[in-house]
Protein backbone atom coordinates (compact mmCIF):
# COMPACT_ATOMS: atom_id res chain seq x y z
CA MET A 1 169.97 113.65 151.75
CA ASN A 2 170.80 110.38 150.00
CA ILE A 3 167.96 110.15 147.47
CA LEU A 4 169.71 107.87 144.99
CA GLY A 5 170.63 105.41 147.71
CA LYS A 6 166.95 104.50 147.96
CA ARG A 7 166.33 104.35 144.21
CA TYR A 8 165.05 100.77 144.15
CA ILE A 9 162.40 101.68 146.70
CA PHE A 10 161.19 104.42 144.36
CA PHE A 11 161.17 101.98 141.43
CA VAL A 12 158.96 99.60 143.42
CA VAL A 13 156.61 102.42 144.45
CA SER A 14 156.17 103.36 140.78
CA LEU A 15 155.38 99.76 139.85
CA LEU A 16 152.78 99.56 142.61
CA VAL A 17 151.08 102.65 141.18
CA ILE A 18 151.32 101.71 137.51
CA VAL A 19 150.64 97.97 137.41
CA PRO A 20 147.07 97.83 138.88
CA GLY A 21 145.65 100.38 136.44
CA LEU A 22 147.40 98.86 133.45
CA LEU A 23 146.07 95.43 134.41
CA VAL A 24 142.56 96.90 134.43
CA LEU A 25 143.13 98.30 130.93
CA ALA A 26 144.67 95.04 129.70
CA ILE A 27 141.68 93.04 130.89
CA GLY A 28 138.89 95.46 130.04
CA GLY A 29 140.47 97.33 127.13
CA LEU A 30 140.89 101.06 126.65
CA PRO A 31 137.67 102.95 127.54
CA LEU A 32 137.75 105.03 124.36
CA ALA A 33 135.14 107.75 123.94
CA LEU A 34 133.39 108.73 120.74
CA ASP A 35 136.28 111.05 119.85
CA PHE A 36 138.37 107.97 119.05
CA THR A 37 135.94 105.18 118.22
CA GLY A 38 133.31 107.10 116.28
CA GLY A 39 129.61 106.75 117.04
CA SER A 40 126.83 108.73 118.67
CA LEU A 41 125.95 109.74 122.20
CA LEU A 42 122.35 110.74 122.91
CA GLU A 43 121.42 111.98 126.38
CA ILE A 44 117.68 112.29 126.97
CA SER A 45 115.31 112.85 129.84
CA PHE A 46 111.60 112.18 130.23
CA PRO A 47 109.10 114.46 132.00
CA SER A 48 107.95 111.71 134.33
CA ALA A 49 109.98 110.63 137.34
CA GLN A 50 109.80 107.03 136.12
CA GLN A 51 112.55 106.48 133.59
CA PRO A 52 112.25 103.75 130.93
CA GLN A 53 114.28 100.61 131.49
CA PRO A 54 117.53 100.37 129.49
CA ALA A 55 116.41 97.04 127.99
CA GLY A 56 113.40 98.72 126.40
CA ILE A 57 115.52 101.46 124.85
CA ILE A 58 118.01 98.93 123.49
CA ALA A 59 115.12 96.98 121.94
CA ILE A 60 113.91 100.12 120.15
CA TYR A 61 117.39 100.82 118.79
CA ASN A 62 117.65 97.23 117.55
CA GLU A 63 114.29 97.49 115.77
CA ILE A 64 115.49 100.58 113.90
CA GLY A 65 118.70 98.76 112.96
CA VAL A 66 121.15 100.52 115.31
CA LYS A 67 123.55 98.10 116.98
CA ASP A 68 126.06 98.14 119.86
CA THR A 69 123.77 100.22 122.07
CA GLN A 70 124.66 100.95 125.69
CA VAL A 71 122.44 102.81 128.16
CA GLN A 72 123.51 104.48 131.41
CA THR A 73 121.59 106.51 133.96
CA THR A 74 122.97 109.75 135.42
CA ASP A 75 122.57 111.57 138.70
CA ALA A 76 120.47 114.18 136.87
CA ASN A 77 117.77 111.54 136.17
CA SER A 78 118.61 111.34 132.49
CA LEU A 79 119.67 108.51 130.20
CA VAL A 80 122.92 108.43 128.23
CA ILE A 81 122.66 106.21 125.14
CA ARG A 82 125.80 105.26 123.20
CA SER A 83 125.53 103.54 119.86
CA THR A 84 126.97 103.33 116.38
CA PHE A 85 126.87 106.45 114.23
CA LEU A 86 123.40 108.09 113.95
CA ASP A 87 122.63 110.41 111.08
CA ASP A 88 119.86 113.02 111.48
CA PRO A 89 117.01 110.92 109.99
CA THR A 90 117.93 107.94 112.18
CA ARG A 91 118.09 110.12 115.28
CA GLU A 92 114.63 111.53 114.56
CA ALA A 93 113.33 107.99 114.02
CA VAL A 94 114.76 106.95 117.38
CA LEU A 95 113.15 109.89 119.20
CA ALA A 96 109.80 109.23 117.51
CA ALA A 97 109.94 105.54 118.46
CA LEU A 98 110.80 106.41 122.07
CA GLN A 99 107.86 108.82 122.24
CA GLU A 100 105.48 106.23 120.81
CA GLU A 101 106.72 103.46 123.09
CA PHE A 102 106.79 105.35 126.38
CA GLY A 103 103.98 107.85 125.77
CA ALA A 104 106.05 110.96 126.41
CA LYS A 105 108.33 113.06 124.25
CA PRO A 106 111.95 112.78 125.41
CA THR A 107 113.97 115.95 125.89
CA VAL A 108 117.35 115.91 124.17
CA VAL A 109 119.91 117.06 126.74
CA ARG A 110 122.94 116.38 124.57
CA PHE A 111 123.76 114.82 121.23
CA ASP A 112 127.33 114.17 120.09
CA SER A 113 128.19 112.29 116.94
CA VAL A 114 131.57 111.43 115.41
CA GLY A 115 132.00 109.53 112.16
CA PRO A 116 134.30 106.47 112.17
CA THR A 117 136.73 108.16 109.76
CA ILE A 118 137.19 111.16 112.05
CA GLY A 119 137.64 108.88 115.06
CA ALA A 120 140.38 106.93 113.26
CA GLN A 121 142.15 110.16 112.28
CA VAL A 122 142.09 111.44 115.86
CA THR A 123 143.58 108.17 117.13
CA SER A 124 146.39 108.06 114.57
CA ARG A 125 147.27 111.74 115.00
CA ALA A 126 147.31 111.40 118.78
CA ALA A 127 149.81 108.53 118.53
CA LEU A 128 151.86 110.51 116.01
CA ALA A 129 151.92 113.58 118.29
CA VAL A 130 153.27 111.57 121.24
CA THR A 131 155.88 109.82 119.06
CA VAL A 132 157.13 113.06 117.50
CA ALA A 133 157.31 114.71 120.93
CA ALA A 134 159.48 111.85 122.24
CA LEU A 135 161.86 111.97 119.25
CA VAL A 136 162.24 115.75 119.47
CA VAL A 137 163.07 115.50 123.18
CA VAL A 138 165.83 112.95 122.54
CA LEU A 139 167.26 115.05 119.71
CA TYR A 140 167.12 118.30 121.70
CA ILE A 141 168.79 116.87 124.81
CA THR A 142 171.45 115.07 122.75
CA ILE A 143 172.38 118.30 120.95
CA THR A 144 172.21 120.49 124.06
CA PHE A 145 174.25 118.08 126.19
CA ARG A 146 176.78 117.23 123.48
CA GLY A 147 179.62 118.62 125.59
CA ILE A 148 179.44 115.77 128.11
CA ALA A 149 180.01 112.05 127.70
CA HIS A 150 177.10 109.88 126.60
CA ALA A 151 174.80 112.81 125.96
CA PHE A 152 172.19 110.65 124.26
CA ARG A 153 171.71 108.72 127.51
CA TYR A 154 170.23 111.82 129.11
CA GLY A 155 167.66 111.99 126.33
CA ILE A 156 166.82 108.29 126.58
CA CYS A 157 166.44 108.53 130.38
CA ALA A 158 164.16 111.55 129.95
CA ILE A 159 161.99 109.52 127.57
CA LEU A 160 161.92 106.54 129.94
CA ALA A 161 160.79 108.82 132.75
CA MET A 162 158.23 110.39 130.42
CA ILE A 163 156.92 106.89 129.61
CA HIS A 164 156.66 106.38 133.36
CA ASP A 165 154.44 109.47 133.60
CA VAL A 166 152.31 108.37 130.65
CA ALA A 167 151.89 104.95 132.29
CA VAL A 168 150.80 106.61 135.53
CA VAL A 169 148.22 108.67 133.63
CA PHE A 170 146.84 105.61 131.87
CA SER A 171 146.81 103.69 135.14
CA VAL A 172 144.72 106.42 136.77
CA ALA A 173 142.44 106.50 133.72
CA GLY A 174 141.99 102.73 133.92
CA LEU A 175 141.05 102.85 137.59
CA GLY A 176 138.78 105.82 136.92
CA ALA A 177 137.06 103.89 134.12
CA LEU A 178 136.55 100.92 136.45
CA PHE A 179 135.17 102.83 139.44
CA LEU A 180 133.88 106.13 138.01
CA GLY A 181 133.00 105.36 134.41
CA TRP A 182 135.69 107.63 132.90
CA GLU A 183 136.47 107.54 129.19
CA ILE A 184 139.52 108.47 127.14
CA ASP A 185 138.44 111.44 125.05
CA SER A 186 139.96 114.56 123.50
CA LEU A 187 140.26 116.24 126.91
CA PHE A 188 142.25 113.26 128.12
CA LEU A 189 144.58 113.66 125.13
CA THR A 190 144.99 117.37 125.96
CA ALA A 191 145.87 116.50 129.56
CA LEU A 192 148.29 113.78 128.42
CA LEU A 193 150.21 116.08 126.05
CA THR A 194 150.37 118.76 128.76
CA VAL A 195 151.76 116.23 131.23
CA ILE A 196 154.40 115.20 128.68
CA GLY A 197 155.45 118.82 128.22
CA PHE A 198 155.76 119.52 131.94
CA SER A 199 157.47 116.18 132.50
CA VAL A 200 160.19 116.85 129.95
CA GLN A 201 160.71 120.37 131.30
CA ASP A 202 161.41 119.03 134.79
CA LYS A 203 163.83 116.43 133.50
CA ILE A 204 165.79 119.02 131.54
CA VAL A 205 166.13 121.21 134.64
CA VAL A 206 167.54 118.32 136.69
CA PHE A 207 169.81 117.09 133.91
CA ASP A 208 171.08 120.59 133.22
CA ARG A 209 172.19 120.90 136.84
CA ILE A 210 173.98 117.56 136.51
CA ARG A 211 175.74 118.89 133.41
CA GLU A 212 176.85 122.06 135.24
CA ASN A 213 178.14 120.11 138.21
CA SER A 214 180.00 117.70 135.93
CA ASN A 215 182.36 120.54 135.07
CA ILE A 216 182.61 121.89 138.63
CA LEU A 217 182.65 118.75 140.80
CA ARG A 218 184.78 116.48 138.66
CA ARG A 219 186.36 114.65 141.60
CA LEU A 220 183.06 113.28 142.85
CA ASP A 221 181.92 109.87 141.70
CA PHE A 222 178.96 109.96 139.34
CA GLU A 223 176.30 108.80 141.83
CA THR A 224 177.31 111.39 144.43
CA LEU A 225 177.40 114.11 141.79
CA VAL A 226 173.92 113.25 140.52
CA ASN A 227 172.51 113.03 144.05
CA HIS A 228 173.98 116.45 144.87
CA SER A 229 172.44 117.90 141.69
CA VAL A 230 169.03 116.42 142.46
CA VAL A 231 169.07 117.86 145.98
CA GLN A 232 169.95 121.27 144.57
CA THR A 233 166.90 121.24 142.27
CA LEU A 234 164.56 119.57 144.77
CA GLN A 235 163.16 122.72 146.32
CA ARG A 236 162.66 124.39 142.96
CA SER A 237 160.81 121.39 141.49
CA ILE A 238 158.47 120.94 144.44
CA ASN A 239 157.70 124.62 145.01
CA THR A 240 157.10 125.38 141.36
CA GLN A 241 154.62 122.54 140.91
CA LEU A 242 152.77 122.98 144.20
CA MET A 243 152.48 126.74 144.18
CA THR A 244 151.70 127.35 140.52
CA VAL A 245 149.83 124.28 139.27
CA GLU A 246 148.84 121.60 141.77
CA PHE A 247 146.71 123.78 144.07
CA LEU A 248 144.81 125.19 141.11
CA LEU A 249 144.15 121.74 139.67
CA LEU A 250 143.07 120.47 143.09
CA ALA A 251 140.52 123.28 143.31
CA LEU A 252 139.24 122.43 139.82
CA ALA A 253 138.98 118.74 140.71
CA LEU A 254 137.01 119.50 143.87
CA PHE A 255 134.79 122.37 142.72
CA GLY A 256 134.97 122.39 138.91
CA GLY A 257 132.00 120.09 138.36
CA VAL A 258 131.65 116.72 136.68
CA THR A 259 132.68 118.03 133.26
CA LEU A 260 136.15 119.08 134.41
CA GLN A 261 136.68 116.45 137.11
CA GLU A 262 138.34 113.79 134.99
CA PHE A 263 140.53 116.33 133.17
CA SER A 264 141.59 117.97 136.44
CA VAL A 265 142.40 114.71 138.21
CA ILE A 266 144.42 113.42 135.23
CA MET A 267 146.39 116.69 135.12
CA LEU A 268 146.83 116.71 138.90
CA VAL A 269 148.22 113.17 139.05
CA GLY A 270 150.18 113.49 135.81
CA LEU A 271 152.01 116.69 136.79
CA PHE A 272 152.76 115.30 140.23
CA SER A 273 154.16 112.19 138.55
CA GLY A 274 156.27 114.42 136.30
CA THR A 275 157.89 116.05 139.31
CA TYR A 276 158.27 112.71 141.09
CA SER A 277 159.87 110.99 138.10
CA SER A 278 162.31 113.85 137.52
CA ILE A 279 163.72 113.34 141.01
CA PHE A 280 163.18 109.68 141.77
CA ILE A 281 163.13 107.95 138.36
CA ALA A 282 165.04 109.84 135.63
CA ALA A 283 168.18 110.60 137.64
CA PRO A 284 168.38 107.13 139.28
CA VAL A 285 167.93 105.41 135.90
CA LEU A 286 170.75 107.55 134.53
CA VAL A 287 173.00 106.46 137.41
CA VAL A 288 172.12 102.78 136.88
CA TRP A 289 172.96 103.13 133.18
CA GLU A 290 176.16 105.14 133.60
CA THR A 291 177.57 102.85 136.30
CA GLN A 292 176.26 99.70 134.55
CA GLU A 293 174.95 98.62 137.90
CA TRP A 294 172.96 95.71 136.51
CA LYS A 295 176.21 93.76 135.97
CA ASN A 296 176.56 93.40 139.76
CA TRP A 297 172.96 92.45 140.58
CA PHE A 298 173.37 88.70 140.23
CA GLY A 299 176.92 88.80 141.55
CA ARG A 300 175.72 90.43 144.74
CA ARG A 301 173.03 87.81 145.18
CA LYS A 302 175.58 85.00 144.81
CA ALA A 303 177.89 86.68 147.28
CA GLU A 304 175.06 87.14 149.78
CA SER A 305 174.02 83.50 149.35
CA ALA A 306 177.59 82.30 149.88
CA ALA A 307 177.94 84.45 152.99
């Protein structure tokens, strides 16, 4: 099974998955939830079947002095109102104004509020957690693989493949935000860090087999050795992910309800990407780097043109 011989096909497939979602995020911005931006979310319902129009609710918020208000309807016939931070007196004033305007007392289904300082701390600590995780991975692999040549390259390739998985997760989140109204919240961060952990674990398994075979199969050229190592770990990587994680996450995504749907789908796609990148991205990138293949790209094109 010549997996590495088709490596550029796998690179193109990854780009086709990653680029659309990242373009959505680049154009529309990150759909950050209250956990990161700070603000308040008030979900209310009215006893009558006729719900107030969003424009009327926004007008009431503006009269009280609350800006940046957004109103969405839900399948449960309730209204989700996002705005800047509401303290308790302001929230009570909003509810009283809604009751006076629409003649019925709204029922508070949910109220979440995060101050801007807390939101900024969550954002900075999330970025710090991902950065520290990447640096620790490079350091660990470099130390563990110090017995073979260019050990640090294994760590860098693991990080590049991990970035691939993170990009896939953000691409899915961007498409989910566009079509399903998803937001990046604390659950998303939990899923992202879990994906990073599983992703690095898979890469280490594949790279460790390459290290073992480097001492046993010294006569093989590097590409053949890496391809042989990847094939040896292929069954383990696929079976472990499918049997222990993916089926469970698929069940949660299908039957876990709206609350867990986004988290489950992000985990499902992210862990699948972690397995995929371990086989089809990390090892091929290592081969391209070790053989310095890019030096022949333009030379091959000139030769083909001359022929």
